[in-house]
């Protein structure tokens, strides 16, 4: 597989001769096998999987050799049998597990697969677009009325019926004063205005992520206009070669012009794929340059504590002429 070769090339670039890949999303990305429990991909010239008895049958459908392990020491023994000089471990590996696997070899802690995953292949783009279509179609099938928790449950039900493996995350439906909290949990309150809904679907392990704010009255329409102006400028700027931090700067510049600089309290967006939040981060401290076929969210927000919150979020395919993948209207 080209992905395995590309990944091992990354290992060699770091002057190592082995990597232990333990993050389930990374194992799936490289092998097509999604572990249901703990697993390890030993990335060497001839890579192989180490899985528990629960995953042996599924793992054997992948294109590489599979070995069963019962305890971490079995994995360490297999690693040391190859006499590696230097090994890469992933930052997500629990410290307790790492302490059982490390040996006399040198090691570094680094995420070498994240860089590969940022650039989406054609099939990945199609899976993400499918997840987005499921989410948007499901939204159009519900009524935004009544109790927040009921709206969220209806939306998740329709996504499941329409083909989503599961919600991409716990659906957010928050309204009135509660909307000033960007990640408020749903309540059993009846909705007030504005209503912020943040939801996503899953298709073949790939995610979507969208937010819409339903408003009422001229004052609320004006704030939504500000966010749409900011997002429009952000999308225009999101081209290959542009630093992720610059997108954030552009967005904050627009919102600042309207006097709401201190009310945009989260980053401008994030990459999305096998995880809802993955690199690159569209934030002030992110120096990564955007590349063609990255997919990111652009989600400006304005939050005034004790009053209300607004957010608009779309998914963007990075290319010479950036493309908004969403088809759902910004105003609903």
Protein backbone atom coordinates (compact mmCIF):
# COMPACT_ATOMS: atom_id res chain seq x y z
CA UNK A 1 0.00 0.00 0.00
CA UNK A 2 1.28 3.47 -0.85
CA UNK A 3 0.18 4.82 2.53
CA UNK A 4 2.32 2.27 4.36
CA UNK A 5 5.29 3.09 2.16
CA UNK A 6 4.80 6.83 2.66
CA UNK A 7 4.54 6.28 6.40
CA UNK A 8 7.73 4.22 6.54
CA UNK A 9 9.52 6.89 4.51
CA UNK A 10 8.57 9.29 7.32
CA UNK A 11 10.17 6.90 9.80
CA UNK A 12 13.41 6.88 7.84
CA UNK A 13 13.36 10.67 7.54
CA UNK A 14 13.47 10.81 11.35
CA UNK A 15 16.59 8.56 11.39
CA UNK A 16 14.59 5.74 12.92
CA UNK A 17 14.04 2.18 11.72
CA UNK A 18 10.68 1.46 13.36
CA UNK A 19 7.48 3.17 14.46
CA UNK A 20 4.84 1.77 16.81
CA UNK A 21 1.47 3.08 15.61
CA UNK A 22 -1.11 2.77 18.36
CA UNK A 23 -3.76 5.38 17.54
CA UNK A 24 -6.77 3.54 16.12
CA UNK A 25 -7.48 6.19 13.47
CA UNK A 26 -3.90 5.98 12.23
CA UNK A 27 -3.99 2.19 12.11
CA UNK A 28 -7.19 2.36 10.07
CA UNK A 29 -5.73 4.99 7.76
CA UNK A 30 -2.71 2.82 6.99
CA UNK A 31 -4.28 -0.65 6.87
CA UNK A 32 -8.05 -0.35 6.43
CA UNK A 33 -8.53 -2.22 9.72
CA UNK A 34 -10.28 -0.32 12.54
CA UNK A 35 -9.41 -1.88 15.92
CA UNK A 36 -12.22 -2.36 18.42
CA UNK A 37 -9.73 -2.40 21.28
CA UNK A 38 -6.00 -1.92 21.81
CA UNK A 39 -3.83 -2.71 18.78
CA UNK A 40 -0.38 -1.90 17.44
CA UNK A 41 0.88 -1.48 13.91
CA UNK A 42 4.61 -2.18 13.86
CA UNK A 43 5.84 -0.01 11.04
CA UNK A 44 9.03 -1.48 9.60
CA UNK A 45 10.12 -2.42 6.09
CA UNK A 46 7.64 -5.30 6.24
CA UNK A 47 4.94 -3.97 8.61
CA UNK A 48 2.60 -6.14 10.67
CA UNK A 49 -0.32 -5.81 13.07
CA UNK A 50 -0.52 -6.96 16.67
CA UNK A 51 -4.09 -7.33 17.96
CA UNK A 52 -6.02 -9.00 20.75
CA UNK A 53 -8.12 -12.13 20.24
CA UNK A 54 -11.22 -9.97 19.79
CA UNK A 55 -9.84 -8.42 16.60
CA UNK A 56 -7.91 -11.26 14.97
CA UNK A 57 -10.59 -12.20 12.44
CA UNK A 58 -11.19 -8.62 11.29
CA UNK A 59 -7.50 -7.77 11.21
CA UNK A 60 -6.76 -10.71 8.93
CA UNK A 61 -8.81 -8.99 6.22
CA UNK A 62 -6.03 -6.42 5.94
CA UNK A 63 -3.15 -6.90 3.53
CA UNK A 64 -0.38 -7.37 6.11
CA UNK A 65 0.60 -10.06 8.61
CA UNK A 66 -1.28 -10.27 11.89
CA UNK A 67 -0.09 -11.54 15.27
CA UNK A 68 -2.14 -11.95 18.42
CA UNK A 69 -0.93 -10.59 21.75
CA UNK A 70 -2.29 -11.13 25.23
CA UNK A 71 -0.29 -8.53 27.16
CA UNK A 72 1.96 -5.55 26.48
CA UNK A 73 5.06 -7.65 27.19
CA UNK A 74 4.21 -9.77 24.12
CA UNK A 75 4.38 -6.64 21.97
CA UNK A 76 7.66 -5.56 23.57
CA UNK A 77 9.15 -8.99 22.94
CA UNK A 78 8.15 -8.81 19.27
CA UNK A 79 9.65 -5.32 18.93
CA UNK A 80 12.94 -6.33 20.53
CA UNK A 81 13.17 -9.44 18.36
CA UNK A 82 13.72 -7.08 15.42
CA UNK A 83 16.60 -5.30 17.22
CA UNK A 84 15.57 -1.74 16.30
CA UNK A 85 18.07 1.04 16.82
CA UNK A 86 15.54 3.88 17.15
CA UNK A 87 11.74 3.73 17.46
CA UNK A 88 8.99 6.32 17.06
CA UNK A 89 6.08 6.20 19.51
CA UNK A 90 2.92 8.28 19.13
CA UNK A 91 2.06 11.07 21.60
CA UNK A 92 -1.38 9.51 22.16
CA UNK A 93 0.13 6.31 23.59
CA UNK A 94 -0.71 6.13 27.33
CA UNK A 95 2.37 6.60 29.49
CA UNK A 96 1.69 3.33 31.29
CA UNK A 97 1.71 1.38 28.03
CA UNK A 98 4.78 3.25 26.80
CA UNK A 99 6.69 2.29 29.95
CA UNK A 100 5.95 -1.39 29.21
CA UNK A 101 7.07 -1.16 25.57
CA UNK A 102 10.25 0.90 25.75
CA UNK A 103 13.48 -1.04 25.64
CA UNK A 104 17.20 -0.49 25.20
CA UNK A 105 16.65 1.22 21.84
CA UNK A 106 16.53 4.97 21.38
CA UNK A 107 13.07 6.48 20.91
CA UNK A 108 11.30 9.68 19.99
CA UNK A 109 7.70 10.74 20.59
CA UNK A 110 6.12 12.14 17.44
CA UNK A 111 2.97 11.99 15.32
CA UNK A 112 4.25 11.11 11.86
CA UNK A 113 0.88 10.02 10.44
CA UNK A 114 -0.98 13.27 11.13
CA UNK A 115 0.93 15.03 8.35
CA UNK A 116 -0.10 12.36 5.85
CA UNK A 117 -3.74 12.45 6.93
CA UNK A 118 -4.06 16.21 6.43
CA UNK A 119 -4.04 15.80 2.63
CA UNK A 120 -7.21 13.97 1.61
CA UNK A 121 -7.26 11.45 -1.21
CA UNK A 122 -10.14 11.43 -3.69
CA UNK A 123 -11.97 8.61 -1.92
CA UNK A 124 -11.61 10.36 1.44
CA UNK A 125 -13.10 13.55 0.01
CA UNK A 126 -16.06 11.56 -1.29
CA UNK A 127 -16.61 9.89 2.09
CA UNK A 128 -16.51 13.24 3.89
CA UNK A 129 -18.92 14.76 1.36
CA UNK A 130 -21.26 11.80 1.89
CA UNK A 131 -21.16 12.31 5.66
CA UNK A 132 -21.98 15.96 5.08
CA UNK A 133 -24.89 15.16 2.75
CA UNK A 134 -26.36 12.81 5.35
CA UNK A 135 -26.08 15.50 8.02
CA UNK A 136 -27.64 18.23 5.90
CA UNK A 137 -30.47 16.09 4.57
CA UNK A 138 -31.26 14.99 8.11
CA UNK A 139 -31.38 18.58 9.31
CA UNK A 140 -33.94 19.44 6.65
CA UNK A 141 -36.16 16.63 7.90
CA UNK A 142 -36.55 17.94 11.45
CA UNK A 143 -38.51 20.78 13.01
CA UNK A 144 -36.63 23.22 15.20
CA UNK A 145 -39.29 23.66 17.84
CA UNK A 146 -39.99 22.56 21.38
CA UNK A 147 -37.27 21.25 23.71
CA UNK A 148 -33.53 21.44 22.96
CA UNK A 149 -32.87 17.80 23.85
CA UNK A 150 -35.73 16.59 21.66
CA UNK A 151 -34.40 18.51 18.66
CA UNK A 152 -30.94 16.99 19.16
CA UNK A 153 -32.41 13.49 19.51
CA UNK A 154 -34.54 13.91 16.37
CA UNK A 155 -31.53 15.08 14.39
CA UNK A 156 -29.40 12.14 15.54
CA UNK A 157 -32.24 9.73 14.77
CA UNK A 158 -32.62 11.02 11.22
CA UNK A 159 -28.86 10.87 10.63
CA UNK A 160 -28.85 7.22 11.72
CA UNK A 161 -31.80 6.37 9.49
CA UNK A 162 -30.13 8.15 6.58
CA UNK A 163 -26.96 6.06 6.87
CA UNK A 164 -24.73 7.65 9.49
CA UNK A 165 -22.71 5.09 11.48
CA UNK A 166 -23.09 7.32 14.52
CA UNK A 167 -23.21 11.05 15.31
CA UNK A 168 -19.83 12.65 14.69
CA UNK A 169 -20.10 14.02 18.25
CA UNK A 170 -22.81 14.80 20.79
CA UNK A 171 -25.16 17.10 18.90
CA UNK A 172 -25.27 20.62 20.31
CA UNK A 173 -28.62 22.41 20.46
CA UNK A 174 -28.48 25.49 22.64
CA UNK A 175 -30.58 28.64 22.66
CA UNK A 176 -31.23 31.97 24.31
CA UNK A 177 -28.74 32.90 27.03
CA UNK A 178 -27.27 29.37 26.96
CA UNK A 179 -26.03 29.93 23.40
CA UNK A 180 -23.23 32.12 24.79
CA UNK A 181 -21.44 28.87 25.74
CA UNK A 182 -19.92 27.47 22.49
CA UNK A 183 -20.00 23.86 23.75
CA UNK A 184 -23.08 23.91 25.97
CA UNK A 185 -24.71 20.54 26.54
CA UNK A 186 -28.32 20.16 25.48
CA UNK A 187 -30.94 20.87 28.11
CA UNK A 188 -34.63 20.15 28.53
CA UNK A 189 -35.42 23.84 28.13
CA UNK A 190 -37.77 24.99 25.44
CA UNK A 191 -35.87 26.81 22.72
CA UNK A 192 -35.53 30.55 22.74
CA UNK A 193 -33.77 32.78 20.23
CA UNK A 194 -31.11 32.56 18.92
CA UNK A 195 -30.79 28.79 18.42
CA UNK A 196 -27.30 27.35 17.74
CA UNK A 197 -27.19 23.83 16.30
CA UNK A 198 -23.83 22.07 15.82
CA UNK A 199 -24.01 18.55 14.38
CA UNK A 200 -22.28 16.01 12.16
CA UNK A 201 -22.66 12.55 10.64
CA UNK A 202 -20.25 9.66 10.00
CA UNK A 203 -19.75 7.73 6.78
CA UNK A 204 -17.20 4.89 6.66
CA UNK A 205 -15.43 6.39 9.67
CA UNK A 206 -15.17 9.88 8.12
CA UNK A 207 -16.89 12.84 9.77
CA UNK A 208 -18.74 16.02 8.94
CA UNK A 209 -19.21 19.10 11.14
CA UNK A 210 -21.65 21.98 10.55
CA UNK A 211 -23.16 24.75 12.64
CA UNK A 212 -26.15 26.96 11.93
CA UNK A 213 -27.65 29.74 14.04
CA UNK A 214 -31.35 30.43 13.71
CA UNK A 215 -32.12 34.07 14.46
CA UNK A 216 -35.12 36.32 14.89
CA UNK A 217 -35.26 40.09 14.70
CA UNK A 218 -33.12 42.78 13.15
CA UNK A 219 -30.48 42.87 15.91
CA UNK A 220 -29.77 39.15 15.61
CA UNK A 221 -29.73 39.34 11.81
CA UNK A 222 -27.04 42.02 12.02
CA UNK A 223 -24.74 39.82 14.11
CA UNK A 224 -25.28 36.91 11.73
CA UNK A 225 -24.34 39.25 8.87
CA UNK A 226 -21.04 40.01 10.62
CA UNK A 227 -20.21 36.32 10.88
CA UNK A 228 -21.10 35.72 7.25
CA UNK A 229 -18.88 38.63 6.18
CA UNK A 230 -16.00 37.21 8.23
CA UNK A 231 -16.50 33.71 6.90
CA UNK A 232 -16.63 34.96 3.31
CA UNK A 233 -13.24 36.64 3.72
CA UNK A 234 -11.82 33.58 5.46
CA UNK A 235 -12.94 31.25 2.67
CA UNK A 236 -11.48 33.51 -0.03
CA UNK A 237 -8.14 33.45 1.79
CA UNK A 238 -8.02 29.69 2.41
CA UNK A 239 -5.79 28.77 -0.52
CA UNK A 240 -2.76 26.50 -0.90
CA UNK A 241 0.40 28.12 0.45
CA UNK A 242 -1.39 30.35 2.97
CA UNK A 243 -0.51 29.89 6.65
CA UNK A 244 -3.37 28.56 8.77
CA UNK A 245 -2.71 31.37 11.26
CA UNK A 246 -3.33 33.95 8.54
CA UNK A 247 -6.89 32.68 8.00
CA UNK A 248 -7.50 33.20 11.70
CA UNK A 249 -6.01 36.69 11.49
CA UNK A 250 -8.24 37.65 8.56
CA UNK A 251 -11.37 36.44 10.31
CA UNK A 252 -10.57 38.24 13.55
CA UNK A 253 -9.81 41.39 11.59
CA UNK A 254 -13.30 41.46 10.12
CA UNK A 255 -14.99 40.75 13.44
CA UNK A 256 -12.82 43.40 15.14
CA UNK A 257 -13.99 46.04 12.67
CA UNK A 258 -17.49 45.58 14.07
CA UNK A 259 -16.29 45.86 17.67
CA UNK A 260 -16.58 42.20 18.67
CA UNK A 261 -12.88 41.26 18.83
CA UNK A 262 -13.11 40.05 22.43
CA UNK A 263 -16.23 38.00 21.71
CA UNK A 264 -14.65 35.59 19.21
CA UNK A 265 -13.34 33.19 21.84
CA UNK A 266 -12.27 30.08 19.92
CA UNK A 267 -10.10 29.27 16.92
CA UNK A 268 -11.33 29.90 13.39
CA UNK A 269 -11.53 26.22 12.49
CA UNK A 270 -9.86 22.83 12.24
CA UNK A 271 -9.09 19.97 9.94
CA UNK A 272 -11.61 17.14 9.71
CA UNK A 273 -11.49 13.57 8.45
CA UNK A 274 -11.14 10.39 10.50
CA UNK A 275 -11.45 12.65 13.55
CA UNK A 276 -13.76 15.61 14.00
CA UNK A 277 -10.83 17.75 15.14
CA UNK A 278 -7.51 17.02 13.50
CA UNK A 279 -4.65 19.11 12.06
CA UNK A 280 -4.37 21.73 10.84
CA UNK A 281 -5.81 24.08 13.44
CA UNK A 282 -6.87 27.43 12.01
CA UNK A 283 -5.55 29.33 15.00
CA UNK A 284 -3.20 32.21 15.75
CA UNK A 285 -0.28 29.90 16.62
CA UNK A 286 -0.53 27.43 13.72
CA UNK A 287 2.30 27.89 11.21
CA UNK A 288 1.28 25.04 8.89
CA UNK A 289 0.65 26.17 5.33
CA UNK A 290 -2.55 24.99 3.74
CA UNK A 291 -2.22 22.51 0.90
CA UNK A 292 -4.49 21.38 -1.89
CA UNK A 293 -7.10 18.80 -0.81
CA UNK A 294 -7.00 19.60 2.87
CA UNK A 295 -10.51 19.87 4.31
CA UNK A 296 -11.05 22.36 7.13
CA UNK A 297 -13.93 24.02 8.90
CA UNK A 298 -14.30 27.78 9.01
CA UNK A 299 -16.49 28.74 11.95
CA UNK A 300 -16.53 32.34 13.18
CA UNK A 301 -18.50 33.01 16.35
CA UNK A 302 -19.58 35.89 18.56
CA UNK A 303 -20.47 35.18 22.19
CA UNK A 304 -21.65 37.69 24.77
CA UNK A 305 -21.80 36.18 28.25
CA UNK A 306 -25.21 36.33 29.81
CA UNK A 307 -26.88 37.36 26.56
CA UNK A 308 -26.40 35.11 23.53
CA UNK A 309 -24.01 33.39 21.12
CA UNK A 310 -23.86 32.98 17.36
CA UNK A 311 -21.77 30.65 15.18
CA UNK A 312 -21.74 29.68 11.52
CA UNK A 313 -19.64 26.71 10.39
CA UNK A 314 -18.98 25.26 6.96
CA UNK A 315 -16.51 22.72 5.60
CA UNK A 316 -14.01 23.94 3.01
CA UNK A 317 -12.00 21.98 0.42
CA UNK A 318 -8.67 23.73 -0.03
CA UNK A 319 -7.82 24.38 -3.66
CA UNK A 320 -6.88 27.33 -5.88
CA UNK A 321 -10.51 28.42 -5.71
CA UNK A 322 -11.58 27.22 -2.24
CA UNK A 323 -14.83 25.28 -2.30
CA UNK A 324 -17.51 25.31 0.38
CA UNK A 325 -18.73 21.71 0.56
CA UNK A 326 -21.94 22.59 2.39
CA UNK A 327 -25.09 23.08 0.37
CA UNK A 328 -27.34 23.99 3.31
CA UNK A 329 -28.21 27.72 3.27
CA UNK A 330 -26.40 29.87 5.83
CA UNK A 331 -29.71 31.42 6.84
CA UNK A 332 -32.42 29.01 7.87
